[in-house]
Structures are given as structure tokens and as C-alpha cells.
Amino acid sequence: MTKLSETPWKTLSTKPIYQNRWLSLREDLVEMPDGRTTIYGVVSCGNCVGILPFLDPDTVLLIRQYRYVAGRPTWEMPTGGVHAGESLEDAAQRELGEEIGYRAGRLTRVSTYHTSKSILEETAHLFLAEGLTRLSLPPDDTEFIEVRPFPFQEALRMVLAGEVLDGMTIIAVLLAARRRAG
């Protein structure tokens, strides 16, 4: 017999509430494993990528930008959404080009995870980028970004000290540190 904790909830109806080019919000009427029903709000963002770019084995590029929802500027790695029909690797290369003006010679996927498991439908795919080549692309017109090189150990210190609050960046830096430790 299947445990109630493993029984899928059944979607009875879905009502779109709001949509723009970055996200959609819907309200689902769902039946829970015990037969009761409830309303469940779901924000869908789809897939996203985060890329920790290494200029050389000991130097990473981080970006600083004002984050409207956080209400302050943050240090983070390049991140962004995956466009319809775009591969994860192509999205990663596009974000690198738009945000820091580089293309990676090699992308290594280090993690795939759900950014939030309760109300947000979004899956993050994290990459390490090496063999960077400078590009001459115009920046994204909605982003105002400062790009700065950091010794990897300084980026790791910033993560461990709580100075970096972006979850994708924290995970990528910690996984890169683990890979480097052998």
C-alpha cells in the first residue's frame, strides 16, 4: 500500500491568475491523499541557469546589481531564465555573454535542484564555466551590472560569512570548493 506521504495530489482544476514574460501565477484546486480538497497557488518560472565563471583556476567573476525584491545590491554569479526551445548550455552561454561579456570554452554542470519546493515551480541548473573568451555584446537592457574578479577563496569566504545571499551562487561556490578539495 502506498503511504499518504507518497501519494500524488490530484489537480481538479487550474485557473490562470497572472502572467508576464518571466513568470505565471495560477490557482489550482487539488484533491489531497485523504480526499479533502484545497486551493494551491503556484508560481511558475520554468528552468533557470546559474554559471560560476572562472577567469583562471583561482579567479571567478561575480556581478553586483540592485535586486528590486531584496531591496539592495547583491554579489552573485550570472543567472537567468531558459528561453523556450533553448538548451541549458545555450542559456548558460547567453547569460554569460549578456551579463559579463564572455563565452565559456567549457561548461561543467554541477547541480540541478528545485529553487523552492512548495509554491515555486522553478528548476535551477548550475554550471562552472572555464576557458572564457571575451565577447563584444550589448548588455541586457533591464540589467545594470558591475562585473568584478574575485580570488576564488575570497568568494568562498564571502559565502561562508553570509555576505552572498543568492542561493544559486552559494550552492555553486560550495560545490566548486568541494571539487577543488579533491
N, C-alpha and C. Protein backbone atom coordinates (compact mmCIF):
# COMPACT_ATOMS: atom_id res chain seq x y z
N MET A 1 0.84 -1.19 0.00
CA MET A 1 0.00 0.00 0.00
C MET A 1 0.88 1.25 0.00
N THR A 2 0.50 2.24 -0.81
CA THR A 2 1.24 3.49 -0.91
C THR A 2 0.97 4.36 0.32
N LYS A 3 2.04 4.92 0.87
CA LYS A 3 1.91 5.83 2.01
C LYS A 3 1.26 7.13 1.56
N LEU A 4 0.48 7.75 2.44
CA LEU A 4 -0.13 9.03 2.10
C LEU A 4 0.92 10.08 1.76
N SER A 5 2.09 10.00 2.40
CA SER A 5 3.16 10.97 2.14
C SER A 5 3.73 10.83 0.73
N GLU A 6 3.46 9.70 0.06
CA GLU A 6 3.98 9.47 -1.28
C GLU A 6 2.89 9.50 -2.35
N THR A 7 1.64 9.69 -1.92
CA THR A 7 0.53 9.69 -2.86
C THR A 7 0.43 11.05 -3.55
N PRO A 8 0.46 11.06 -4.89
CA PRO A 8 0.35 12.34 -5.60
C PRO A 8 -1.00 13.03 -5.34
N TRP A 9 -0.95 14.34 -5.27
CA TRP A 9 -2.17 15.12 -5.18
C TRP A 9 -2.76 15.21 -6.57
N LYS A 10 -4.08 15.27 -6.67
CA LYS A 10 -4.78 15.27 -7.96
C LYS A 10 -5.26 16.69 -8.27
N THR A 11 -4.89 17.21 -9.42
CA THR A 11 -5.34 18.53 -9.84
C THR A 11 -6.75 18.40 -10.41
N LEU A 12 -7.69 19.10 -9.79
CA LEU A 12 -9.08 19.06 -10.25
C LEU A 12 -9.38 20.19 -11.23
N SER A 13 -8.77 21.35 -11.01
CA SER A 13 -8.93 22.47 -11.93
C SER A 13 -7.77 23.44 -11.76
N THR A 14 -7.53 24.23 -12.79
CA THR A 14 -6.47 25.23 -12.80
C THR A 14 -7.04 26.54 -13.31
N LYS A 15 -6.74 27.62 -12.60
CA LYS A 15 -7.22 28.94 -13.02
C LYS A 15 -6.02 29.88 -13.14
N PRO A 16 -5.71 30.35 -14.37
CA PRO A 16 -4.64 31.33 -14.52
C PRO A 16 -5.00 32.64 -13.82
N ILE A 17 -4.04 33.22 -13.11
CA ILE A 17 -4.27 34.47 -12.39
C ILE A 17 -3.51 35.63 -13.03
N TYR A 18 -2.24 35.39 -13.38
CA TYR A 18 -1.38 36.46 -13.87
C TYR A 18 -0.25 35.85 -14.68
N GLN A 19 0.23 36.58 -15.70
CA GLN A 19 1.37 36.11 -16.49
C GLN A 19 2.09 37.30 -17.09
N ASN A 20 3.44 37.23 -17.08
CA ASN A 20 4.26 38.17 -17.84
C ASN A 20 5.36 37.35 -18.51
N ARG A 21 6.37 37.99 -19.06
CA ARG A 21 7.37 37.21 -19.80
C ARG A 21 8.32 36.43 -18.89
N TRP A 22 8.29 36.67 -17.58
CA TRP A 22 9.20 35.99 -16.66
C TRP A 22 8.52 34.92 -15.81
N LEU A 23 7.22 35.07 -15.54
CA LEU A 23 6.56 34.13 -14.63
C LEU A 23 5.07 34.09 -14.88
N SER A 24 4.45 33.05 -14.33
CA SER A 24 2.99 32.97 -14.33
C SER A 24 2.54 32.52 -12.94
N LEU A 25 1.33 32.93 -12.60
CA LEU A 25 0.72 32.55 -11.33
C LEU A 25 -0.61 31.89 -11.64
N ARG A 26 -0.83 30.73 -11.03
CA ARG A 26 -2.10 30.04 -11.21
C ARG A 26 -2.62 29.58 -9.86
N GLU A 27 -3.91 29.31 -9.83
CA GLU A 27 -4.54 28.78 -8.63
C GLU A 27 -5.14 27.43 -9.00
N ASP A 28 -4.67 26.38 -8.32
CA ASP A 28 -5.15 25.03 -8.58
C ASP A 28 -6.09 24.58 -7.46
N LEU A 29 -7.15 23.90 -7.83
CA LEU A 29 -7.98 23.19 -6.87
C LEU A 29 -7.47 21.76 -6.89
N VAL A 30 -6.98 21.27 -5.74
CA VAL A 30 -6.37 19.94 -5.70
C VAL A 30 -7.05 19.05 -4.66
N GLU A 31 -7.01 17.77 -4.97
CA GLU A 31 -7.51 16.77 -4.02
C GLU A 31 -6.31 16.15 -3.34
N MET A 32 -6.31 16.20 -2.01
CA MET A 32 -5.20 15.65 -1.23
C MET A 32 -5.40 14.14 -1.06
N PRO A 33 -4.39 13.42 -0.59
CA PRO A 33 -4.46 11.96 -0.46
C PRO A 33 -5.62 11.46 0.40
N ASP A 34 -6.09 12.28 1.34
CA ASP A 34 -7.19 11.83 2.21
C ASP A 34 -8.56 12.17 1.63
N GLY A 35 -8.61 12.72 0.39
CA GLY A 35 -9.87 13.01 -0.27
C GLY A 35 -10.36 14.44 -0.10
N ARG A 36 -9.79 15.19 0.85
CA ARG A 36 -10.18 16.59 1.01
C ARG A 36 -9.60 17.42 -0.12
N THR A 37 -10.18 18.60 -0.36
CA THR A 37 -9.67 19.48 -1.39
C THR A 37 -9.14 20.77 -0.77
N THR A 38 -8.25 21.42 -1.49
CA THR A 38 -7.70 22.70 -1.05
C THR A 38 -7.28 23.51 -2.28
N ILE A 39 -7.13 24.80 -2.09
CA ILE A 39 -6.62 25.70 -3.13
C ILE A 39 -5.10 25.78 -2.97
N TYR A 40 -4.39 25.70 -4.08
CA TYR A 40 -2.94 25.77 -4.06
C TYR A 40 -2.49 26.80 -5.08
N GLY A 41 -1.77 27.83 -4.62
CA GLY A 41 -1.20 28.83 -5.53
C GLY A 41 0.17 28.39 -6.01
N VAL A 42 0.40 28.50 -7.32
CA VAL A 42 1.67 28.06 -7.90
C VAL A 42 2.24 29.18 -8.77
N VAL A 43 3.48 29.57 -8.49
CA VAL A 43 4.23 30.50 -9.32
C VAL A 43 5.14 29.67 -10.20
N SER A 44 5.04 29.84 -11.52
CA SER A 44 5.88 29.08 -12.46
C SER A 44 6.88 30.01 -13.13
N CYS A 45 8.14 29.63 -13.03
CA CYS A 45 9.21 30.37 -13.70
C CYS A 45 9.96 29.50 -14.70
N GLY A 46 9.77 28.19 -14.60
CA GLY A 46 10.44 27.28 -15.53
C GLY A 46 11.86 26.97 -15.10
N ASN A 47 12.70 26.76 -16.09
CA ASN A 47 14.11 26.45 -15.84
C ASN A 47 14.94 27.72 -15.79
N CYS A 48 15.99 27.68 -14.99
CA CYS A 48 16.94 28.77 -14.95
C CYS A 48 18.34 28.19 -14.87
N VAL A 49 19.31 29.02 -15.20
CA VAL A 49 20.71 28.60 -15.15
C VAL A 49 21.50 29.58 -14.29
N GLY A 50 22.53 29.06 -13.65
CA GLY A 50 23.48 29.86 -12.92
C GLY A 50 24.87 29.39 -13.31
N ILE A 51 25.77 30.34 -13.55
CA ILE A 51 27.08 29.99 -14.07
C ILE A 51 28.15 30.67 -13.23
N LEU A 52 29.03 29.86 -12.64
CA LEU A 52 30.18 30.41 -11.89
C LEU A 52 31.36 30.45 -12.85
N PRO A 53 31.70 31.65 -13.37
CA PRO A 53 32.75 31.76 -14.38
C PRO A 53 34.14 31.92 -13.77
N PHE A 54 35.05 31.04 -14.17
CA PHE A 54 36.45 31.09 -13.74
C PHE A 54 37.28 31.76 -14.82
N LEU A 55 37.88 32.91 -14.49
CA LEU A 55 38.82 33.57 -15.40
C LEU A 55 40.08 32.74 -15.54
N ASP A 56 40.50 32.16 -14.44
CA ASP A 56 41.63 31.23 -14.37
C ASP A 56 41.31 30.30 -13.21
N PRO A 57 42.15 29.31 -12.94
CA PRO A 57 41.79 28.35 -11.88
C PRO A 57 41.56 28.95 -10.50
N ASP A 58 42.06 30.16 -10.25
CA ASP A 58 41.94 30.75 -8.92
C ASP A 58 41.13 32.04 -8.86
N THR A 59 40.49 32.43 -9.98
CA THR A 59 39.76 33.70 -10.03
C THR A 59 38.39 33.51 -10.66
N VAL A 60 37.35 34.01 -9.97
CA VAL A 60 35.99 33.96 -10.51
C VAL A 60 35.49 35.38 -10.77
N LEU A 61 34.56 35.49 -11.68
CA LEU A 61 33.89 36.77 -11.93
C LEU A 61 32.54 36.73 -11.25
N LEU A 62 32.27 37.75 -10.43
CA LEU A 62 30.95 37.91 -9.83
C LEU A 62 30.37 39.22 -10.32
N ILE A 63 29.05 39.30 -10.24
CA ILE A 63 28.38 40.53 -10.64
C ILE A 63 27.68 41.14 -9.44
N ARG A 64 27.55 42.45 -9.47
CA ARG A 64 26.81 43.16 -8.43
C ARG A 64 25.73 43.95 -9.14
N GLN A 65 24.52 43.76 -8.63
CA GLN A 65 23.41 44.52 -9.18
C GLN A 65 22.35 44.73 -8.11
N TYR A 66 21.59 45.80 -8.28
CA TYR A 66 20.49 46.07 -7.36
C TYR A 66 19.39 45.07 -7.64
N ARG A 67 18.91 44.41 -6.60
CA ARG A 67 17.81 43.45 -6.72
C ARG A 67 16.58 44.07 -6.10
N TYR A 68 15.60 44.34 -6.94
CA TYR A 68 14.40 45.05 -6.53
C TYR A 68 13.69 44.38 -5.35
N VAL A 69 13.47 43.07 -5.42
CA VAL A 69 12.73 42.38 -4.36
C VAL A 69 13.53 42.38 -3.06
N ALA A 70 14.84 42.18 -3.14
CA ALA A 70 15.68 42.21 -1.93
C ALA A 70 15.85 43.63 -1.39
N GLY A 71 15.68 44.60 -2.27
CA GLY A 71 15.79 46.00 -1.84
C GLY A 71 17.22 46.46 -1.63
N ARG A 72 18.16 45.80 -2.30
CA ARG A 72 19.57 46.17 -2.14
C ARG A 72 20.42 45.53 -3.23
N PRO A 73 21.65 46.01 -3.40
CA PRO A 73 22.55 45.36 -4.35
C PRO A 73 23.12 44.08 -3.76
N THR A 74 23.40 43.12 -4.62
CA THR A 74 23.95 41.84 -4.17
C THR A 74 25.10 41.41 -5.07
N TRP A 75 26.05 40.67 -4.48
CA TRP A 75 27.09 39.99 -5.26
C TRP A 75 26.56 38.61 -5.58
N GLU A 76 26.69 38.20 -6.82
CA GLU A 76 26.19 36.90 -7.26
C GLU A 76 26.88 36.51 -8.56
N MET A 77 26.63 35.29 -8.99
CA MET A 77 27.15 34.85 -10.28
C MET A 77 26.10 35.14 -11.35
N PRO A 78 26.47 35.10 -12.63
CA PRO A 78 25.47 35.28 -13.68
C PRO A 78 24.38 34.20 -13.59
N THR A 79 23.13 34.64 -13.70
CA THR A 79 21.99 33.72 -13.66
C THR A 79 20.92 34.24 -14.62
N GLY A 80 20.00 33.36 -14.98
CA GLY A 80 18.90 33.81 -15.81
C GLY A 80 18.02 32.67 -16.24
N GLY A 81 16.93 33.02 -16.87
CA GLY A 81 15.96 32.04 -17.32
C GLY A 81 16.37 31.38 -18.62
N VAL A 82 15.78 30.21 -18.85
CA VAL A 82 15.99 29.47 -20.09
C VAL A 82 14.83 29.79 -21.02
N HIS A 83 15.12 30.26 -22.23
CA HIS A 83 14.08 30.60 -23.19
C HIS A 83 13.48 29.34 -23.80
N ALA A 84 12.26 29.44 -24.28
CA ALA A 84 11.58 28.31 -24.93
C ALA A 84 12.43 27.79 -26.08
N GLY A 85 12.64 26.48 -26.11
CA GLY A 85 13.41 25.84 -27.17
C GLY A 85 14.92 25.96 -27.03
N GLU A 86 15.40 26.61 -25.98
CA GLU A 86 16.82 26.82 -25.78
C GLU A 86 17.38 25.71 -24.90
N SER A 87 18.55 25.18 -25.24
CA SER A 87 19.18 24.18 -24.38
C SER A 87 19.73 24.86 -23.14
N LEU A 88 19.97 24.08 -22.10
CA LEU A 88 20.53 24.64 -20.87
C LEU A 88 21.90 25.25 -21.14
N GLU A 89 22.71 24.57 -21.94
CA GLU A 89 24.05 25.08 -22.26
C GLU A 89 23.98 26.38 -23.05
N ASP A 90 23.04 26.45 -24.01
CA ASP A 90 22.89 27.69 -24.78
C ASP A 90 22.43 28.83 -23.88
N ALA A 91 21.53 28.53 -22.95
CA ALA A 91 21.08 29.56 -22.00
C ALA A 91 22.24 30.03 -21.14
N ALA A 92 23.07 29.10 -20.68
CA ALA A 92 24.23 29.46 -19.86
C ALA A 92 25.18 30.36 -20.66
N GLN A 93 25.45 30.00 -21.90
CA GLN A 93 26.35 30.83 -22.74
C GLN A 93 25.73 32.21 -22.99
N ARG A 94 24.42 32.26 -23.24
CA ARG A 94 23.76 33.54 -23.47
C ARG A 94 23.86 34.43 -22.24
N GLU A 95 23.59 33.86 -21.06
CA GLU A 95 23.68 34.65 -19.82
C GLU A 95 25.10 35.14 -19.57
N LEU A 96 26.09 34.30 -19.82
CA LEU A 96 27.48 34.74 -19.68
C LEU A 96 27.76 35.93 -20.59
N GLY A 97 27.31 35.83 -21.84
CA GLY A 97 27.53 36.92 -22.79
C GLY A 97 26.83 38.20 -22.38
N GLU A 98 25.55 38.08 -21.97
CA GLU A 98 24.77 39.26 -21.60
C GLU A 98 25.27 39.91 -20.32
N GLU A 99 25.65 39.11 -19.34
CA GLU A 99 25.95 39.66 -18.02
C GLU A 99 27.42 39.99 -17.79
N ILE A 100 28.33 39.23 -18.37
CA ILE A 100 29.74 39.53 -18.13
C ILE A 100 30.56 39.70 -19.41
N GLY A 101 29.95 39.44 -20.58
CA GLY A 101 30.65 39.65 -21.84
C GLY A 101 31.67 38.58 -22.18
N TYR A 102 31.40 37.34 -21.77
CA TYR A 102 32.30 36.22 -22.07
C TYR A 102 31.52 35.03 -22.60
N ARG A 103 32.25 34.14 -23.26
CA ARG A 103 31.73 32.83 -23.68
C ARG A 103 32.65 31.79 -23.06
N ALA A 104 32.08 30.70 -22.60
CA ALA A 104 32.87 29.64 -21.97
C ALA A 104 33.35 28.64 -23.01
N GLY A 105 34.62 28.23 -22.87
CA GLY A 105 35.15 27.13 -23.70
C GLY A 105 34.65 25.80 -23.18
N ARG A 106 34.38 25.75 -21.86
CA ARG A 106 33.87 24.52 -21.25
C ARG A 106 32.88 24.86 -20.15
N LEU A 107 31.72 24.21 -20.21
CA LEU A 107 30.71 24.30 -19.16
C LEU A 107 30.61 22.94 -18.50
N THR A 108 30.66 22.92 -17.18
CA THR A 108 30.52 21.68 -16.42
C THR A 108 29.30 21.81 -15.52
N ARG A 109 28.30 20.95 -15.73
CA ARG A 109 27.10 21.02 -14.88
C ARG A 109 27.45 20.41 -13.53
N VAL A 110 27.12 21.14 -12.46
CA VAL A 110 27.45 20.68 -11.11
C VAL A 110 26.23 20.40 -10.24
N SER A 111 25.05 20.89 -10.65
CA SER A 111 23.86 20.63 -9.83
C SER A 111 22.60 20.99 -10.59
N THR A 112 21.54 20.27 -10.27
CA THR A 112 20.19 20.60 -10.71
C THR A 112 19.31 20.44 -9.49
N TYR A 113 18.50 21.44 -9.19
CA TYR A 113 17.67 21.39 -7.99
C TYR A 113 16.45 22.30 -8.13
N HIS A 114 15.46 22.10 -7.27
CA HIS A 114 14.29 22.96 -7.21
C HIS A 114 14.62 24.14 -6.30
N THR A 115 14.41 25.36 -6.80
CA THR A 115 14.75 26.53 -6.01
C THR A 115 13.82 26.70 -4.81
N SER A 116 12.61 26.21 -4.91
CA SER A 116 11.65 26.20 -3.81
C SER A 116 10.70 25.04 -4.08
N LYS A 117 10.42 24.26 -3.08
CA LYS A 117 9.64 23.06 -3.32
C LYS A 117 8.16 23.20 -2.99
N SER A 118 7.74 24.34 -2.48
CA SER A 118 6.35 24.45 -2.03
C SER A 118 5.43 25.19 -2.99
N ILE A 119 5.76 26.42 -3.37
CA ILE A 119 4.86 27.17 -4.24
C ILE A 119 5.49 27.62 -5.55
N LEU A 120 6.79 27.44 -5.69
CA LEU A 120 7.50 27.92 -6.87
C LEU A 120 7.88 26.75 -7.76
N GLU A 121 7.45 26.81 -9.01
CA GLU A 121 7.79 25.78 -10.00
C GLU A 121 8.97 26.33 -10.82
N GLU A 122 10.19 26.03 -10.35
CA GLU A 122 11.40 26.51 -10.99
C GLU A 122 12.52 25.51 -10.69
N THR A 123 13.25 25.13 -11.73
CA THR A 123 14.38 24.23 -11.57
C THR A 123 15.64 24.94 -12.00
N ALA A 124 16.64 24.95 -11.13
CA ALA A 124 17.92 25.61 -11.41
C ALA A 124 18.94 24.58 -11.86
N HIS A 125 19.74 24.98 -12.83
CA HIS A 125 20.81 24.15 -13.37
C HIS A 125 22.10 24.96 -13.25
N LEU A 126 23.02 24.47 -12.43
CA LEU A 126 24.25 25.22 -12.15
C LEU A 126 25.43 24.67 -12.93
N PHE A 127 26.24 25.59 -13.42
CA PHE A 127 27.42 25.25 -14.21
C PHE A 127 28.65 25.97 -13.68
N LEU A 128 29.80 25.35 -13.89
CA LEU A 128 31.08 26.03 -13.76
C LEU A 128 31.52 26.33 -15.19
N ALA A 129 32.04 27.52 -15.42
CA ALA A 129 32.48 27.92 -16.76
C ALA A 129 33.99 28.16 -16.73
N GLU A 130 34.67 27.57 -17.70
CA GLU A 130 36.13 27.73 -17.81
C GLU A 130 36.48 28.02 -19.26
N GLY A 131 37.72 28.46 -19.46
CA GLY A 131 38.18 28.77 -20.81
C GLY A 131 37.40 29.94 -21.40
N LEU A 132 37.30 31.02 -20.65
CA LEU A 132 36.48 32.16 -21.07
C LEU A 132 37.14 32.95 -22.20
N THR A 133 36.31 33.35 -23.16
CA THR A 133 36.73 34.20 -24.27
C THR A 133 35.88 35.45 -24.25
N ARG A 134 36.53 36.61 -24.37
CA ARG A 134 35.83 37.90 -24.32
C ARG A 134 34.96 38.08 -25.56
N LEU A 135 33.75 38.59 -25.37
CA LEU A 135 32.82 38.90 -26.46
C LEU A 135 32.55 40.39 -26.49
N SER A 136 31.99 40.86 -27.58
CA SER A 136 31.54 42.25 -27.63
C SER A 136 30.05 42.25 -27.93
N LEU A 137 29.26 42.06 -26.86
CA LEU A 137 27.81 42.04 -26.98
C LEU A 137 27.22 43.19 -26.17
N PRO A 138 26.09 43.72 -26.63
CA PRO A 138 25.43 44.74 -25.80
C PRO A 138 24.82 44.07 -24.57
N PRO A 139 24.82 44.75 -23.42
CA PRO A 139 24.22 44.15 -22.22
C PRO A 139 22.71 44.09 -22.33
N ASP A 140 22.09 43.24 -21.51
CA ASP A 140 20.64 43.14 -21.42
C ASP A 140 20.10 44.51 -21.00
N ASP A 141 19.01 44.98 -21.65
CA ASP A 141 18.52 46.32 -21.39
C ASP A 141 17.78 46.50 -20.06
N THR A 142 17.57 45.41 -19.30
CA THR A 142 16.93 45.55 -17.99
C THR A 142 17.90 45.34 -16.84
N GLU A 143 19.19 45.20 -17.18
CA GLU A 143 20.18 44.92 -16.13
C GLU A 143 21.25 46.01 -16.10
N PHE A 144 21.61 46.41 -14.89
CA PHE A 144 22.65 47.40 -14.66
C PHE A 144 23.65 46.72 -13.73
N ILE A 145 24.73 46.23 -14.32
CA ILE A 145 25.60 45.27 -13.65
C ILE A 145 27.03 45.79 -13.54
N GLU A 146 27.63 45.55 -12.38
CA GLU A 146 29.07 45.74 -12.17
C GLU A 146 29.69 44.34 -12.19
N VAL A 147 30.74 44.16 -12.96
CA VAL A 147 31.45 42.87 -13.03
C VAL A 147 32.80 43.04 -12.37
N ARG A 148 33.16 42.09 -11.49
CA ARG A 148 34.43 42.20 -10.78
C ARG A 148 35.06 40.83 -10.57
N PRO A 149 36.37 40.71 -10.80
CA PRO A 149 37.06 39.44 -10.50
C PRO A 149 37.32 39.34 -8.99
N PHE A 150 37.21 38.12 -8.48
CA PHE A 150 37.50 37.82 -7.08
C PHE A 150 38.39 36.58 -7.02
N PRO A 151 39.37 36.57 -6.15
CA PRO A 151 40.05 35.29 -5.90
C PRO A 151 38.98 34.30 -5.43
N PHE A 152 39.05 33.06 -5.91
CA PHE A 152 38.03 32.08 -5.53
C PHE A 152 37.92 31.98 -4.01
N GLN A 153 39.04 32.00 -3.31
CA GLN A 153 39.00 31.88 -1.85
C GLN A 153 38.24 33.04 -1.21
N GLU A 154 38.30 34.22 -1.82
CA GLU A 154 37.54 35.37 -1.31
C GLU A 154 36.04 35.16 -1.56
N ALA A 155 35.67 34.64 -2.72
CA ALA A 155 34.26 34.34 -3.00
C ALA A 155 33.74 33.30 -2.00
N LEU A 156 34.55 32.29 -1.72
CA LEU A 156 34.18 31.27 -0.73
C LEU A 156 34.03 31.89 0.66
N ARG A 157 34.96 32.77 1.03
CA ARG A 157 34.86 33.45 2.32
C ARG A 157 33.58 34.26 2.41
N MET A 158 33.22 34.96 1.33
CA MET A 158 32.01 35.78 1.30
C MET A 158 30.76 34.90 1.49
N VAL A 159 30.76 33.73 0.86
CA VAL A 159 29.64 32.80 1.01
C VAL A 159 29.55 32.33 2.46
N LEU A 160 30.67 31.88 3.01
CA LEU A 160 30.68 31.34 4.38
C LEU A 160 30.37 32.41 5.43
N ALA A 161 30.69 33.67 5.12
CA ALA A 161 30.43 34.77 6.06
C ALA A 161 29.01 35.33 5.93
N GLY A 162 28.24 34.80 4.98
CA GLY A 162 26.88 35.29 4.80
C GLY A 162 26.79 36.59 4.02
N GLU A 163 27.85 36.96 3.33
CA GLU A 163 27.84 38.18 2.52
C GLU A 163 27.20 37.96 1.16
N VAL A 164 27.14 36.71 0.71
CA VAL A 164 26.44 36.34 -0.51
C VAL A 164 25.16 35.64 -0.08
N LEU A 165 24.02 36.15 -0.51
CA LEU A 165 22.74 35.61 -0.08
C LEU A 165 21.98 34.89 -1.20
N ASP A 166 22.47 34.97 -2.42
CA ASP A 166 21.83 34.30 -3.55
C ASP A 166 22.06 32.79 -3.46
N GLY A 167 20.98 32.02 -3.37
CA GLY A 167 21.09 30.57 -3.19
C GLY A 167 21.85 29.87 -4.30
N MET A 168 21.62 30.28 -5.55
CA MET A 168 22.32 29.63 -6.66
C MET A 168 23.82 29.84 -6.55
N THR A 169 24.23 31.05 -6.19
CA THR A 169 25.65 31.36 -6.06
C THR A 169 26.26 30.60 -4.88
N ILE A 170 25.55 30.55 -3.77
CA ILE A 170 26.05 29.82 -2.60
C ILE A 170 26.30 28.36 -2.95
N ILE A 171 25.33 27.73 -3.58
CA ILE A 171 25.47 26.30 -3.93
C ILE A 171 26.61 26.09 -4.90
N ALA A 172 26.71 26.93 -5.93
CA ALA A 172 27.78 26.76 -6.92
C ALA A 172 29.16 26.95 -6.31
N VAL A 173 29.32 27.97 -5.47
CA VAL A 173 30.63 28.21 -4.85
C VAL A 173 31.00 27.05 -3.92
N LEU A 174 30.05 26.57 -3.12
CA LEU A 174 30.34 25.45 -2.21
C LEU A 174 30.67 24.17 -2.99
N LEU A 175 29.95 23.92 -4.07
CA LEU A 175 30.25 22.73 -4.88
C LEU A 175 31.60 22.87 -5.58
N ALA A 176 31.92 24.07 -6.04
CA ALA A 176 33.24 24.29 -6.66
C ALA A 176 34.34 24.08 -5.62
N ALA A 177 34.12 24.56 -4.40
CA ALA A 177 35.12 24.37 -3.34
C ALA A 177 35.30 22.89 -3.05
N ARG A 178 34.22 22.17 -3.02
CA ARG A 178 34.31 20.72 -2.75
C ARG A 178 35.08 20.01 -3.87
N ARG A 179 34.81 20.38 -5.10
CA ARG A 179 35.54 19.77 -6.25
C ARG A 179 37.03 20.08 -6.16
N ARG A 180 37.36 21.31 -5.74
CA ARG A 180 38.75 21.73 -5.66
C ARG A 180 39.48 21.00 -4.54
N ALA A 181 38.73 20.64 -3.48
CA ALA A 181 39.33 19.95 -2.33
C ALA A 181 39.67 18.50 -2.66
N GLY A 182 39.12 18.03 -3.77
CA GLY A 182 39.51 16.72 -4.23
C GLY A 182 38.58 15.63 -3.99
